[in-house]
Amino acid sequence: MFFPNAGVDVNPFLLLLLGLITGVLGGFFGIGGGFLITGGLLVFGLSPIFAVGTSLALVLGSSVVSMLRHRRAGNLDFKLGLLLVTGTVPALLVAQWLAVRLEESGSAGPVIRYAYVVFLAALGVFIIHDSWRNRHRVKAGEDTVSTAALIRRVQALRIPPHSIKVPGVGTVRTYVALPKSGIESVSVFVPMGMGVLVGFMAGLLGAGGGFIVVPALIFLMGVPTEVAISVSLFQTTIAASMGTFLYSLSNHVDLLMAVIMLTAASIGSRLGVAAIRVVIPSRVRLLYGLTLLGGALAVGLKQVSSADPGLGYLASIAAVVLLSASGAICVLLVALVFLAMRKRLGPAP
């Protein structure tokens, strides 16, 4: 099927499959699916700037659906989400400007792909390593991470100014309690700083930033996994809204392609949100790390195929790796949900 705005031919069934996988993993991991979508669209032949813009459009729709379902489940910490967004918006503007300059210079493709490989691989390896280190505690029923000492230091940070004067209100301290996230007190500049990083990555790489904010909230701030996922979706919705608007102004969004994928993503998100209720947090993090590594491998193969004409066949392998790895995670989630429901219901009489 030819998509005139992006100027490419793509099999619509591949787009539906990518959308379905994105919806499932987005609802389960709180990532919006941006890194999967952008990586997939790059593999399917879209130019980097169109892959980023179209990815953000789909991330927006998918994140809204998943966020509302998590909100109904009582996992969303609005206060923490708003603090993240405060740092996200200005950083997003800067990153989008940089992405357009890179496209004009002809270097957007290598920069975006290499950045994806580095960030996804590093995060995936770290999360899997953490899950392996804490496997014995998980078996004992504890939900813990290897960065507990770092979390205590981050929560104890005292970043000036410690208070500000607000006209009509008076002096306001720059420390807040986040009871939904289990945090007694933290400087507002900690989540705002995370928001700056997430916003920059969202604008540059076409992801809502969830693949960074989820591990950041869990491993740096000590936020419970299910709350981190819901906050990530809230932040991703805002970031993707801004990003989609900015890329639409420069006509770098293929709306038809985004609508096709969103149709399947809205169905997949139901399963993803249902799965997070029955899968233990440590296993969520392990599967998340494996998903990141699959995305890194696929985009890496695509970049190698682009650099050497003799290795063009690697682009096809990249598409298979991306869809099969993420698809396998989805199948595993279905199995885990089925086993959990069967365990709750007990043996048949």
C-alpha atoms as a PDB file:
ATOM      1  CA  MET A   1       0.000   0.000   0.000  1.00  0.00           C
ATOM      2  CA  PHE A   2       1.410   3.398  -0.985  1.00  0.00           C
ATOM      3  CA  PHE A   3       1.394   6.200   1.579  1.00  0.00           C
ATOM      4  CA  PRO A   4       1.783   9.444  -0.398  1.00  0.00           C
ATOM      5  CA  ASN A   5       2.673  11.754   2.472  1.00  0.00           C
ATOM      6  CA  ALA A   6       5.621   9.603   3.577  1.00  0.00           C
ATOM      7  CA  GLY A   7       6.304   8.525  -0.012  1.00  0.00           C
ATOM      8  CA  VAL A   8       6.753   4.798   0.729  1.00  0.00           C
ATOM      9  CA  ASP A   9       5.062   1.450   0.078  1.00  0.00           C
ATOM     10  CA  VAL A  10       4.328  -0.511   3.263  1.00  0.00           C
ATOM     11  CA  ASN A  11       2.293  -3.661   3.820  1.00  0.00           C
ATOM     12  CA  PRO A  12      -0.735  -2.502   5.894  1.00  0.00           C
ATOM     13  CA  PHE A  13      -0.854  -5.856   7.701  1.00  0.00           C
ATOM     14  CA  LEU A  14       2.646  -5.187   9.033  1.00  0.00           C
ATOM     15  CA  LEU A  15       1.411  -1.818  10.302  1.00  0.00           C
ATOM     16  CA  LEU A  16      -1.557  -3.473  12.020  1.00  0.00           C
ATOM     17  CA  LEU A  17       0.747  -6.031  13.628  1.00  0.00           C
ATOM     18  CA  LEU A  18       3.110  -3.307  14.795  1.00  0.00           C
ATOM     19  CA  GLY A  19       0.161  -1.338  16.195  1.00  0.00           C
ATOM     20  CA  LEU A  20      -1.217  -4.377  18.048  1.00  0.00           C
ATOM     21  CA  ILE A  21       2.168  -5.137  19.607  1.00  0.00           C
ATOM     22  CA  THR A  22       2.618  -1.479  20.514  1.00  0.00           C
ATOM     23  CA  GLY A  23      -0.755  -1.372  22.260  1.00  0.00           C
ATOM     24  CA  VAL A  24      -0.054  -4.489  24.323  1.00  0.00           C
ATOM     25  CA  LEU A  25       3.451  -3.448  25.362  1.00  0.00           C
ATOM     26  CA  GLY A  26       2.409   0.169  25.876  1.00  0.00           C
ATOM     27  CA  GLY A  27      -0.355  -0.784  28.287  1.00  0.00           C
ATOM     28  CA  PHE A  28       1.933  -3.242  30.072  1.00  0.00           C
ATOM     29  CA  PHE A  29       5.181  -1.265  30.244  1.00  0.00           C
ATOM     30  CA  GLY A  30       3.878   2.324  30.123  1.00  0.00           C
ATOM     31  CA  ILE A  31       6.204   3.214  27.269  1.00  0.00           C
ATOM     32  CA  GLY A  32       3.720   4.457  24.693  1.00  0.00           C
ATOM     33  CA  GLY A  33       5.562   2.204  22.240  1.00  0.00           C
ATOM     34  CA  GLY A  34       7.542   5.017  20.631  1.00  0.00           C
ATOM     35  CA  PHE A  35      10.852   3.216  20.415  1.00  0.00           C
ATOM     36  CA  LEU A  36       9.155   0.199  18.813  1.00  0.00           C
ATOM     37  CA  ILE A  37       7.162   2.291  16.356  1.00  0.00           C
ATOM     38  CA  THR A  38      10.039   4.519  15.269  1.00  0.00           C
ATOM     39  CA  GLY A  39      12.353   1.522  14.970  1.00  0.00           C
ATOM     40  CA  GLY A  40       9.704  -0.371  13.017  1.00  0.00           C
ATOM     41  CA  LEU A  41       8.974   2.504  10.649  1.00  0.00           C
ATOM     42  CA  LEU A  42      12.704   3.008  10.038  1.00  0.00           C
ATOM     43  CA  VAL A  43      12.949  -0.683   9.190  1.00  0.00           C
ATOM     44  CA  PHE A  44       9.879  -0.432   6.922  1.00  0.00           C
ATOM     45  CA  GLY A  45      11.634   2.257   4.856  1.00  0.00           C
ATOM     46  CA  LEU A  46      10.354   5.621   6.151  1.00  0.00           C
ATOM     47  CA  SER A  47      12.779   8.520   6.300  1.00  0.00           C
ATOM     48  CA  PRO A  48      13.955   9.249   9.866  1.00  0.00           C
ATOM     49  CA  ILE A  49      12.048  12.535  10.143  1.00  0.00           C
ATOM     50  CA  PHE A  50       8.762  10.907   8.988  1.00  0.00           C
ATOM     51  CA  ALA A  51       9.346   7.899  11.240  1.00  0.00           C
ATOM     52  CA  VAL A  52       9.713  10.223  14.230  1.00  0.00           C
ATOM     53  CA  GLY A  53       6.672  12.366  13.401  1.00  0.00           C
ATOM     54  CA  THR A  54       4.347   9.438  12.607  1.00  0.00           C
ATOM     55  CA  SER A  55       5.581   7.583  15.676  1.00  0.00           C
ATOM     56  CA  LEU A  56       4.642  10.492  17.922  1.00  0.00           C
ATOM     57  CA  ALA A  57       1.131  10.599  16.429  1.00  0.00           C
ATOM     58  CA  LEU A  58       0.563   6.933  17.235  1.00  0.00           C
ATOM     59  CA  VAL A  59       2.188   7.243  20.662  1.00  0.00           C
ATOM     60  CA  LEU A  60      -0.306  10.013  21.464  1.00  0.00           C
ATOM     61  CA  GLY A  61      -3.367   7.902  20.708  1.00  0.00           C
ATOM     62  CA  SER A  62      -2.016   4.726  22.282  1.00  0.00           C
ATOM     63  CA  SER A  63      -0.872   6.479  25.466  1.00  0.00           C
ATOM     64  CA  VAL A  64      -4.211   8.206  26.057  1.00  0.00           C
ATOM     65  CA  VAL A  65      -6.086   4.893  25.878  1.00  0.00           C
ATOM     66  CA  SER A  66      -3.658   3.077  28.194  1.00  0.00           C
ATOM     67  CA  MET A  67      -3.377   5.987  30.655  1.00  0.00           C
ATOM     68  CA  LEU A  68      -7.134   6.193  31.167  1.00  0.00           C
ATOM     69  CA  ARG A  69      -7.284   2.487  31.914  1.00  0.00           C
ATOM     70  CA  HIS A  70      -4.433   2.753  34.432  1.00  0.00           C
ATOM     71  CA  ARG A  71      -6.173   5.738  36.035  1.00  0.00           C
ATOM     72  CA  ARG A  72      -9.301   3.672  36.575  1.00  0.00           C
ATOM     73  CA  ALA A  73      -7.101   1.053  38.237  1.00  0.00           C
ATOM     74  CA  GLY A  74      -5.905   3.718  40.744  1.00  0.00           C
ATOM     75  CA  ASN A  75      -2.216   3.690  39.734  1.00  0.00           C
ATOM     76  CA  LEU A  76      -1.776   7.266  38.489  1.00  0.00           C
ATOM     77  CA  ASP A  77       0.177   9.849  40.543  1.00  0.00           C
ATOM     78  CA  PHE A  78      -0.959  13.142  38.984  1.00  0.00           C
ATOM     79  CA  LYS A  79       1.370  15.295  41.092  1.00  0.00           C
ATOM     80  CA  LEU A  80       4.473  13.418  39.990  1.00  0.00           C
ATOM     81  CA  GLY A  81       3.277  13.436  36.388  1.00  0.00           C
ATOM     82  CA  LEU A  82       2.817  17.217  36.378  1.00  0.00           C
ATOM     83  CA  LEU A  83       6.322  17.755  37.769  1.00  0.00           C
ATOM     84  CA  LEU A  84       7.786  15.631  34.984  1.00  0.00           C
ATOM     85  CA  VAL A  85       5.829  17.514  32.328  1.00  0.00           C
ATOM     86  CA  THR A  86       7.140  20.860  33.611  1.00  0.00           C
ATOM     87  CA  GLY A  87      10.615  19.843  32.477  1.00  0.00           C
ATOM     88  CA  THR A  88       9.466  17.955  29.387  1.00  0.00           C
ATOM     89  CA  VAL A  89       7.845  20.745  27.355  1.00  0.00           C
ATOM     90  CA  PRO A  90      10.804  23.167  26.945  1.00  0.00           C
ATOM     91  CA  ALA A  91      13.234  20.306  26.286  1.00  0.00           C
ATOM     92  CA  LEU A  92      10.886  18.921  23.629  1.00  0.00           C
ATOM     93  CA  LEU A  93      10.948  22.221  21.727  1.00  0.00           C
ATOM     94  CA  VAL A  94      14.748  22.245  21.672  1.00  0.00           C
ATOM     95  CA  ALA A  95      14.971  18.605  20.554  1.00  0.00           C
ATOM     96  CA  GLN A  96      12.489  19.052  17.713  1.00  0.00           C
ATOM     97  CA  TRP A  97      14.472  22.028  16.412  1.00  0.00           C
ATOM     98  CA  LEU A  98      17.651  19.922  16.531  1.00  0.00           C
ATOM     99  CA  ALA A  99      15.984  17.021  14.690  1.00  0.00           C
ATOM    100  CA  VAL A 100      14.931  19.306  11.826  1.00  0.00           C
ATOM    101  CA  ARG A 101      18.483  20.759  11.580  1.00  0.00           C
ATOM    102  CA  LEU A 102      19.923  17.232  11.440  1.00  0.00           C
ATOM    103  CA  GLU A 103      17.468  16.300   8.686  1.00  0.00           C
ATOM    104  CA  GLU A 104      18.476  19.366   6.666  1.00  0.00           C
ATOM    105  CA  SER A 105      22.156  18.437   6.995  1.00  0.00           C
ATOM    106  CA  GLY A 106      21.473  14.842   5.930  1.00  0.00           C
ATOM    107  CA  SER A 107      22.786  13.312   9.151  1.00  0.00           C
ATOM    108  CA  ALA A 108      19.462  12.563  10.879  1.00  0.00           C
ATOM    109  CA  GLY A 109      19.395   8.886   9.901  1.00  0.00           C
ATOM    110  CA  PRO A 110      22.719   7.775  11.429  1.00  0.00           C
ATOM    111  CA  VAL A 111      22.328  10.005  14.524  1.00  0.00           C
ATOM    112  CA  ILE A 112      18.812   8.775  15.364  1.00  0.00           C
ATOM    113  CA  ARG A 113      19.592   5.111  14.703  1.00  0.00           C
ATOM    114  CA  TYR A 114      22.875   5.074  16.616  1.00  0.00           C
ATOM    115  CA  ALA A 115      21.273   6.915  19.547  1.00  0.00           C
ATOM    116  CA  TYR A 116      18.517   4.302  19.613  1.00  0.00           C
ATOM    117  CA  VAL A 117      20.940   1.407  19.654  1.00  0.00           C
ATOM    118  CA  VAL A 118      23.036   2.889  22.469  1.00  0.00           C
ATOM    119  CA  PHE A 119      20.163   3.914  24.761  1.00  0.00           C
ATOM    120  CA  LEU A 120      18.003   0.847  24.263  1.00  0.00           C
ATOM    121  CA  ALA A 121      20.877  -1.605  24.633  1.00  0.00           C
ATOM    122  CA  ALA A 122      22.297   0.104  27.737  1.00  0.00           C
ATOM    123  CA  LEU A 123      18.928   0.278  29.485  1.00  0.00           C
ATOM    124  CA  GLY A 124      18.005  -3.266  28.505  1.00  0.00           C
ATOM    125  CA  VAL A 125      21.270  -4.735  29.806  1.00  0.00           C
ATOM    126  CA  PHE A 126      21.027  -2.798  33.074  1.00  0.00           C
ATOM    127  CA  ILE A 127      17.423  -3.844  33.779  1.00  0.00           C
ATOM    128  CA  ILE A 128      18.093  -7.506  32.992  1.00  0.00           C
ATOM    129  CA  HIS A 129      21.240  -7.413  35.154  1.00  0.00           C
ATOM    130  CA  ASP A 130      19.253  -5.921  38.028  1.00  0.00           C
ATOM    131  CA  SER A 131      16.579  -8.612  37.716  1.00  0.00           C
ATOM    132  CA  TRP A 132      19.234 -11.329  37.739  1.00  0.00           C
ATOM    133  CA  ARG A 133      20.974  -9.897  40.819  1.00  0.00           C
ATOM    134  CA  ASN A 134      17.723  -9.768  42.775  1.00  0.00           C
ATOM    135  CA  ARG A 135      16.255 -13.091  41.649  1.00  0.00           C
ATOM    136  CA  HIS A 136      16.705 -14.720  45.085  1.00  0.00           C
ATOM    137  CA  ARG A 137      14.873 -11.883  46.853  1.00  0.00           C
ATOM    138  CA  VAL A 138      12.064 -12.101  44.328  1.00  0.00           C
ATOM    139  CA  LYS A 139      11.654 -15.809  45.089  1.00  0.00           C
ATOM    140  CA  ALA A 140      11.380 -14.875  48.763  1.00  0.00           C
ATOM    141  CA  GLY A 141       8.499 -12.518  47.956  1.00  0.00           C
ATOM    142  CA  GLU A 142      10.452  -9.239  48.087  1.00  0.00           C
ATOM    143  CA  ASP A 143      10.139  -6.593  45.358  1.00  0.00           C
ATOM    144  CA  THR A 144      13.493  -4.837  45.453  1.00  0.00           C
ATOM    145  CA  VAL A 145      16.031  -3.267  43.094  1.00  0.00           C
ATOM    146  CA  SER A 146      19.833  -3.061  43.205  1.00  0.00           C
ATOM    147  CA  THR A 147      19.834   0.747  43.412  1.00  0.00           C
ATOM    148  CA  ALA A 148      18.171   1.043  46.831  1.00  0.00           C
ATOM    149  CA  ALA A 149      21.095   3.055  48.256  1.00  0.00           C
ATOM    150  CA  LEU A 150      21.054   5.411  45.258  1.00  0.00           C
ATOM    151  CA  ILE A 151      17.300   5.885  45.647  1.00  0.00           C
ATOM    152  CA  ARG A 152      17.759   7.011  49.253  1.00  0.00           C
ATOM    153  CA  ARG A 153      20.398   9.554  48.181  1.00  0.00           C
ATOM    154  CA  VAL A 154      18.229  10.906  45.361  1.00  0.00           C
ATOM    155  CA  GLN A 155      15.219  11.324  47.656  1.00  0.00           C
ATOM    156  CA  ALA A 156      17.452  13.080  50.205  1.00  0.00           C
ATOM    157  CA  LEU A 157      18.879  15.599  47.708  1.00  0.00           C
ATOM    158  CA  ARG A 158      18.536  19.210  48.836  1.00  0.00           C
ATOM    159  CA  ILE A 159      18.661  21.373  45.719  1.00  0.00           C
ATOM    160  CA  PRO A 160      18.450  25.175  46.097  1.00  0.00           C
ATOM    161  CA  PRO A 161      16.405  27.263  46.120  1.00  0.00           C
ATOM    162  CA  HIS A 162      14.624  25.521  48.971  1.00  0.00           C
ATOM    163  CA  SER A 163      11.658  27.883  48.746  1.00  0.00           C
ATOM    164  CA  ILE A 164      10.258  30.449  46.335  1.00  0.00           C
ATOM    165  CA  LYS A 165       7.926  33.417  46.718  1.00  0.00           C
ATOM    166  CA  VAL A 166       4.715  33.152  44.703  1.00  0.00           C
ATOM    167  CA  PRO A 167       2.707  36.405  44.288  1.00  0.00           C
ATOM    168  CA  GLY A 168      -0.596  36.152  46.102  1.00  0.00           C
ATOM    169  CA  VAL A 169       0.402  32.898  47.776  1.00  0.00           C
ATOM    170  CA  GLY A 170       3.544  33.618  49.772  1.00  0.00           C
ATOM    171  CA  THR A 171       6.604  31.470  50.348  1.00  0.00           C
ATOM    172  CA  VAL A 172       6.343  27.952  48.942  1.00  0.00           C
ATOM    173  CA  ARG A 173       8.826  25.170  49.692  1.00  0.00           C
ATOM    174  CA  THR A 174      10.351  23.332  46.740  1.00  0.00           C
ATOM    175  CA  TYR A 175       9.843  19.926  48.363  1.00  0.00           C
ATOM    176  CA  VAL A 176       6.766  17.775  47.963  1.00  0.00           C
ATOM    177  CA  ALA A 177       5.337  14.580  49.372  1.00  0.00           C
ATOM    178  CA  LEU A 178       4.207  11.951  46.871  1.00  0.00           C
ATOM    179  CA  PRO A 179       2.149   9.470  48.925  1.00  0.00           C
ATOM    180  CA  LYS A 180       0.834   7.610  45.870  1.00  0.00           C
ATOM    181  CA  SER A 181       4.467   6.885  44.933  1.00  0.00           C
ATOM    182  CA  GLY A 182       5.480   6.090  48.514  1.00  0.00           C
ATOM    183  CA  ILE A 183       7.812   9.114  48.802  1.00  0.00           C
ATOM    184  CA  GLU A 184       7.661  11.216  51.977  1.00  0.00           C
ATOM    185  CA  SER A 185       9.652  14.157  50.612  1.00  0.00           C
ATOM    186  CA  VAL A 186      11.656  14.965  47.478  1.00  0.00           C
ATOM    187  CA  SER A 187      12.920  18.135  45.781  1.00  0.00           C
ATOM    188  CA  VAL A 188      10.677  19.172  42.888  1.00  0.00           C
ATOM    189  CA  PHE A 189      13.824  19.679  40.801  1.00  0.00           C
ATOM    190  CA  VAL A 190      14.512  15.921  40.757  1.00  0.00           C
ATOM    191  CA  PRO A 191      11.426  14.890  38.716  1.00  0.00           C
ATOM    192  CA  MET A 192      11.621  18.140  36.729  1.00  0.00           C
ATOM    193  CA  GLY A 193      15.204  17.303  35.749  1.00  0.00           C
ATOM    194  CA  MET A 194      14.087  13.861  34.652  1.00  0.00           C
ATOM    195  CA  GLY A 195      11.401  15.549  32.594  1.00  0.00           C
ATOM    196  CA  VAL A 196      14.033  17.609  30.761  1.00  0.00           C
ATOM    197  CA  LEU A 197      15.912  14.445  29.758  1.00  0.00           C
ATOM    198  CA  VAL A 198      12.731  12.670  28.732  1.00  0.00           C
ATOM    199  CA  GLY A 199      11.486  15.632  26.687  1.00  0.00           C
ATOM    200  CA  PHE A 200      14.756  15.881  24.798  1.00  0.00           C
ATOM    201  CA  MET A 201      14.748  12.175  23.967  1.00  0.00           C
ATOM    202  CA  ALA A 202      11.076  12.331  22.967  1.00  0.00           C
ATOM    203  CA  GLY A 203      11.677  15.126  20.481  1.00  0.00           C
ATOM    204  CA  LEU A 204      14.895  13.715  19.047  1.00  0.00           C
ATOM    205  CA  LEU A 205      14.054  10.016  18.843  1.00  0.00           C
ATOM    206  CA  GLY A 206      10.299  10.078  18.275  1.00  0.00           C
ATOM    207  CA  ALA A 207       9.516   8.190  21.462  1.00  0.00           C
ATOM    208  CA  GLY A 208       7.269   9.517  24.161  1.00  0.00           C
ATOM    209  CA  GLY A 209      10.203   9.042  26.514  1.00  0.00           C
ATOM    210  CA  GLY A 210       8.613   6.208  28.465  1.00  0.00           C
ATOM    211  CA  PHE A 211      11.506   3.859  27.812  1.00  0.00           C
ATOM    212  CA  ILE A 212      13.633   6.267  29.878  1.00  0.00           C
ATOM    213  CA  VAL A 213      11.177   7.564  32.462  1.00  0.00           C
ATOM    214  CA  VAL A 214       9.969   4.133  33.644  1.00  0.00           C
ATOM    215  CA  PRO A 215      13.432   2.876  34.671  1.00  0.00           C
ATOM    216  CA  ALA A 216      14.365   6.363  35.940  1.00  0.00           C
ATOM    217  CA  LEU A 217      11.370   6.489  38.297  1.00  0.00           C
ATOM    218  CA  ILE A 218      11.921   2.912  39.481  1.00  0.00           C
ATOM    219  CA  PHE A 219      15.706   2.848  39.837  1.00  0.00           C
ATOM    220  CA  LEU A 220      16.400   6.495  40.777  1.00  0.00           C
ATOM    221  CA  MET A 221      13.322   7.607  42.729  1.00  0.00           C
ATOM    222  CA  GLY A 222      12.038   4.287  44.061  1.00  0.00           C
ATOM    223  CA  VAL A 223       8.538   4.649  42.589  1.00  0.00           C
ATOM    224  CA  PRO A 224       6.527   1.361  42.557  1.00  0.00           C
ATOM    225  CA  THR A 225       6.526  -0.311  39.143  1.00  0.00           C
ATOM    226  CA  GLU A 226       2.774  -0.002  38.491  1.00  0.00           C
ATOM    227  CA  VAL A 227       2.776   3.701  39.484  1.00  0.00           C
ATOM    228  CA  ALA A 228       5.864   4.406  37.346  1.00  0.00           C
ATOM    229  CA  ILE A 229       4.096   2.856  34.360  1.00  0.00           C
ATOM    230  CA  SER A 230       0.964   4.992  34.775  1.00  0.00           C
ATOM    231  CA  VAL A 231       2.959   8.210  35.370  1.00  0.00           C
ATOM    232  CA  SER A 232       5.024   7.416  32.298  1.00  0.00           C
ATOM    233  CA  LEU A 233       1.866   7.153  30.199  1.00  0.00           C
ATOM    234  CA  PHE A 234       0.622  10.501  31.552  1.00  0.00           C
ATOM    235  CA  GLN A 235       3.925  12.193  30.739  1.00  0.00           C
ATOM    236  CA  THR A 236       4.111  10.451  27.372  1.00  0.00           C
ATOM    237  CA  THR A 237       0.657  11.757  26.444  1.00  0.00           C
ATOM    238  CA  ILE A 238       1.763  15.353  27.016  1.00  0.00           C
ATOM    239  CA  ALA A 239       5.125  14.904  25.280  1.00  0.00           C
ATOM    240  CA  ALA A 240       3.572  13.132  22.298  1.00  0.00           C
ATOM    241  CA  SER A 241       0.878  15.842  21.981  1.00  0.00           C
ATOM    242  CA  MET A 242       3.521  18.550  21.733  1.00  0.00           C
ATOM    243  CA  GLY A 243       5.726  16.483  19.446  1.00  0.00           C
ATOM    244  CA  THR A 244       2.904  15.558  17.084  1.00  0.00           C
ATOM    245  CA  PHE A 245       1.845  19.195  16.821  1.00  0.00           C
ATOM    246  CA  LEU A 246       5.383  20.386  16.056  1.00  0.00           C
ATOM    247  CA  TYR A 247       6.076  17.704  13.440  1.00  0.00           C
ATOM    248  CA  SER A 248       2.653  18.272  11.864  1.00  0.00           C
ATOM    249  CA  LEU A 249       3.530  21.930  11.293  1.00  0.00           C
ATOM    250  CA  SER A 250       6.431  20.815   9.089  1.00  0.00           C
ATOM    251  CA  ASN A 251       4.252  18.108   7.417  1.00  0.00           C
ATOM    252  CA  HIS A 252       6.318  15.217   8.734  1.00  0.00           C
ATOM    253  CA  VAL A 253       3.398  13.056   9.962  1.00  0.00           C
ATOM    254  CA  ASP A 254       1.663  10.391   7.859  1.00  0.00           C
ATOM    255  CA  LEU A 255      -1.777  10.464   9.469  1.00  0.00           C
ATOM    256  CA  LEU A 256      -3.200   7.541   7.473  1.00  0.00           C
ATOM    257  CA  MET A 257      -0.384   5.278   8.620  1.00  0.00           C
ATOM    258  CA  ALA A 258      -0.881   6.384  12.235  1.00  0.00           C
ATOM    259  CA  VAL A 259      -4.646   5.705  12.113  1.00  0.00           C
ATOM    260  CA  ILE A 260      -4.112   2.176  10.760  1.00  0.00           C
ATOM    261  CA  MET A 261      -1.705   1.345  13.585  1.00  0.00           C
ATOM    262  CA  LEU A 262      -3.855   3.030  16.250  1.00  0.00           C
ATOM    263  CA  THR A 263      -6.839   0.842  15.338  1.00  0.00           C
ATOM    264  CA  ALA A 264      -4.894  -2.238  16.378  1.00  0.00           C
ATOM    265  CA  ALA A 265      -3.113  -0.504  19.272  1.00  0.00           C
ATOM    266  CA  SER A 266      -6.404   0.385  20.997  1.00  0.00           C
ATOM    267  CA  ILE A 267      -7.281  -3.319  21.101  1.00  0.00           C
ATOM    268  CA  GLY A 268      -3.853  -4.391  22.321  1.00  0.00           C
ATOM    269  CA  SER A 269      -3.785  -1.892  25.165  1.00  0.00           C
ATOM    270  CA  ARG A 270      -6.664  -3.721  26.890  1.00  0.00           C
ATOM    271  CA  LEU A 271      -4.562  -6.845  27.231  1.00  0.00           C
ATOM    272  CA  GLY A 272      -1.505  -4.885  28.358  1.00  0.00           C
ATOM    273  CA  VAL A 273      -3.340  -3.144  31.201  1.00  0.00           C
ATOM    274  CA  ALA A 274      -4.957  -6.423  32.258  1.00  0.00           C
ATOM    275  CA  ALA A 275      -1.553  -8.117  32.354  1.00  0.00           C
ATOM    276  CA  ILE A 276       0.032  -5.547  34.699  1.00  0.00           C
ATOM    277  CA  ARG A 277      -2.561  -6.452  37.341  1.00  0.00           C
ATOM    278  CA  VAL A 278      -1.506 -10.081  37.531  1.00  0.00           C
ATOM    279  CA  VAL A 279       2.233 -10.145  36.677  1.00  0.00           C
ATOM    280  CA  ILE A 280       4.650  -9.518  39.565  1.00  0.00           C
ATOM    281  CA  PRO A 281       6.663  -6.242  39.251  1.00  0.00           C
ATOM    282  CA  SER A 282      10.092  -7.900  39.026  1.00  0.00           C
ATOM    283  CA  ARG A 283       8.942  -9.984  36.066  1.00  0.00           C
ATOM    284  CA  VAL A 284       7.534  -6.846  34.429  1.00  0.00           C
ATOM    285  CA  ARG A 285      10.990  -5.258  34.619  1.00  0.00           C
ATOM    286  CA  LEU A 286      12.715  -8.343  33.210  1.00  0.00           C
ATOM    287  CA  LEU A 287      10.378  -8.505  30.214  1.00  0.00           C
ATOM    288  CA  TYR A 288      10.837  -4.778  29.737  1.00  0.00           C
ATOM    289  CA  GLY A 289      14.616  -5.196  29.500  1.00  0.00           C
ATOM    290  CA  LEU A 290      14.264  -7.984  26.941  1.00  0.00           C
ATOM    291  CA  THR A 291      11.954  -5.795  24.846  1.00  0.00           C
ATOM    292  CA  LEU A 292      14.506  -2.967  24.834  1.00  0.00           C
ATOM    293  CA  LEU A 293      17.281  -5.310  23.689  1.00  0.00           C
ATOM    294  CA  GLY A 294      15.114  -6.588  20.842  1.00  0.00           C
ATOM    295  CA  GLY A 295      14.488  -3.022  19.657  1.00  0.00           C
ATOM    296  CA  ALA A 296      18.202  -2.165  19.875  1.00  0.00           C
ATOM    297  CA  LEU A 297      19.189  -5.211  17.813  1.00  0.00           C
ATOM    298  CA  ALA A 298      16.617  -4.483  15.099  1.00  0.00           C
ATOM    299  CA  VAL A 299      17.608  -0.824  14.664  1.00  0.00           C
ATOM    300  CA  GLY A 300      21.296  -1.768  14.770  1.00  0.00           C
ATOM    301  CA  LEU A 301      20.828  -4.244  11.911  1.00  0.00           C
ATOM    302  CA  LYS A 302      18.977  -1.600   9.920  1.00  0.00           C
ATOM    303  CA  GLN A 303      21.810   0.882  10.361  1.00  0.00           C
ATOM    304  CA  VAL A 304      24.421  -1.671   9.251  1.00  0.00           C
ATOM    305  CA  SER A 305      22.358  -2.491   6.145  1.00  0.00           C
ATOM    306  CA  SER A 306      22.190   1.229   5.278  1.00  0.00           C
ATOM    307  CA  ALA A 307      25.940   1.730   5.709  1.00  0.00           C
ATOM    308  CA  ASP A 308      26.941  -1.132   3.371  1.00  0.00           C
ATOM    309  CA  PRO A 309      24.925  -1.793   0.158  1.00  0.00           C
ATOM    310  CA  GLY A 310      26.179  -5.383   0.159  1.00  0.00           C
ATOM    311  CA  LEU A 311      24.396  -6.025   3.453  1.00  0.00           C
ATOM    312  CA  GLY A 312      20.977  -4.808   2.361  1.00  0.00           C
ATOM    313  CA  TYR A 313      19.423  -8.135   3.316  1.00  0.00           C
ATOM    314  CA  LEU A 314      19.953  -7.195   6.977  1.00  0.00           C
ATOM    315  CA  ALA A 315      17.077  -4.721   6.682  1.00  0.00           C
ATOM    316  CA  SER A 316      14.659  -7.618   6.169  1.00  0.00           C
ATOM    317  CA  ILE A 317      16.212  -9.486   9.084  1.00  0.00           C
ATOM    318  CA  ALA A 318      15.774  -6.350  11.211  1.00  0.00           C
ATOM    319  CA  ALA A 319      12.025  -6.304  10.498  1.00  0.00           C
ATOM    320  CA  VAL A 320      11.748  -9.961  11.475  1.00  0.00           C
ATOM    321  CA  VAL A 321      13.754  -9.414  14.676  1.00  0.00           C
ATOM    322  CA  LEU A 322      11.671  -6.402  15.735  1.00  0.00           C
ATOM    323  CA  LEU A 323       8.278  -8.012  15.176  1.00  0.00           C
ATOM    324  CA  SER A 324       9.210 -11.497  16.379  1.00  0.00           C
ATOM    325  CA  ALA A 325      10.950 -10.328  19.571  1.00  0.00           C
ATOM    326  CA  SER A 326       8.172  -7.960  20.619  1.00  0.00           C
ATOM    327  CA  GLY A 327       5.532 -10.401  19.395  1.00  0.00           C
ATOM    328  CA  ALA A 328       7.055 -13.151  21.527  1.00  0.00           C
ATOM    329  CA  ILE A 329       6.806 -10.893  24.586  1.00  0.00           C
ATOM    330  CA  CYS A 330       3.118 -10.322  23.806  1.00  0.00           C
ATOM    331  CA  VAL A 331       2.489 -14.076  23.545  1.00  0.00           C
ATOM    332  CA  LEU A 332       4.293 -14.583  26.846  1.00  0.00           C
ATOM    333  CA  LEU A 333       2.100 -11.920  28.456  1.00  0.00           C
ATOM    334  CA  VAL A 334      -1.025 -13.706  27.257  1.00  0.00           C
ATOM    335  CA  ALA A 335       0.298 -16.927  28.789  1.00  0.00           C
ATOM    336  CA  LEU A 336       1.116 -15.222  32.111  1.00  0.00           C
ATOM    337  CA  VAL A 337      -2.354 -13.663  32.305  1.00  0.00           C
ATOM    338  CA  PHE A 338      -3.961 -17.020  31.551  1.00  0.00           C
ATOM    339  CA  LEU A 339      -1.896 -18.809  34.200  1.00  0.00           C
ATOM    340  CA  ALA A 340      -2.631 -16.109  36.802  1.00  0.00           C
ATOM    341  CA  MET A 341      -6.369 -16.277  36.139  1.00  0.00           C
ATOM    342  CA  ARG A 342      -6.299 -20.053  36.268  1.00  0.00           C
ATOM    343  CA  LYS A 343      -4.458 -19.929  39.606  1.00  0.00           C
ATOM    344  CA  ARG A 344      -7.038 -17.519  41.058  1.00  0.00           C
ATOM    345  CA  LEU A 345      -9.955 -19.627  39.951  1.00  0.00           C
ATOM    346  CA  GLY A 346      -8.357 -22.788  41.310  1.00  0.00           C
ATOM    347  CA  PRO A 347      -8.556 -26.298  39.889  1.00  0.00           C
ATOM    348  CA  ALA A 348     -11.680 -27.348  38.108  1.00  0.00           C
ATOM    349  CA  PRO A 349     -14.063 -29.431  40.290  1.00  0.00           C
END
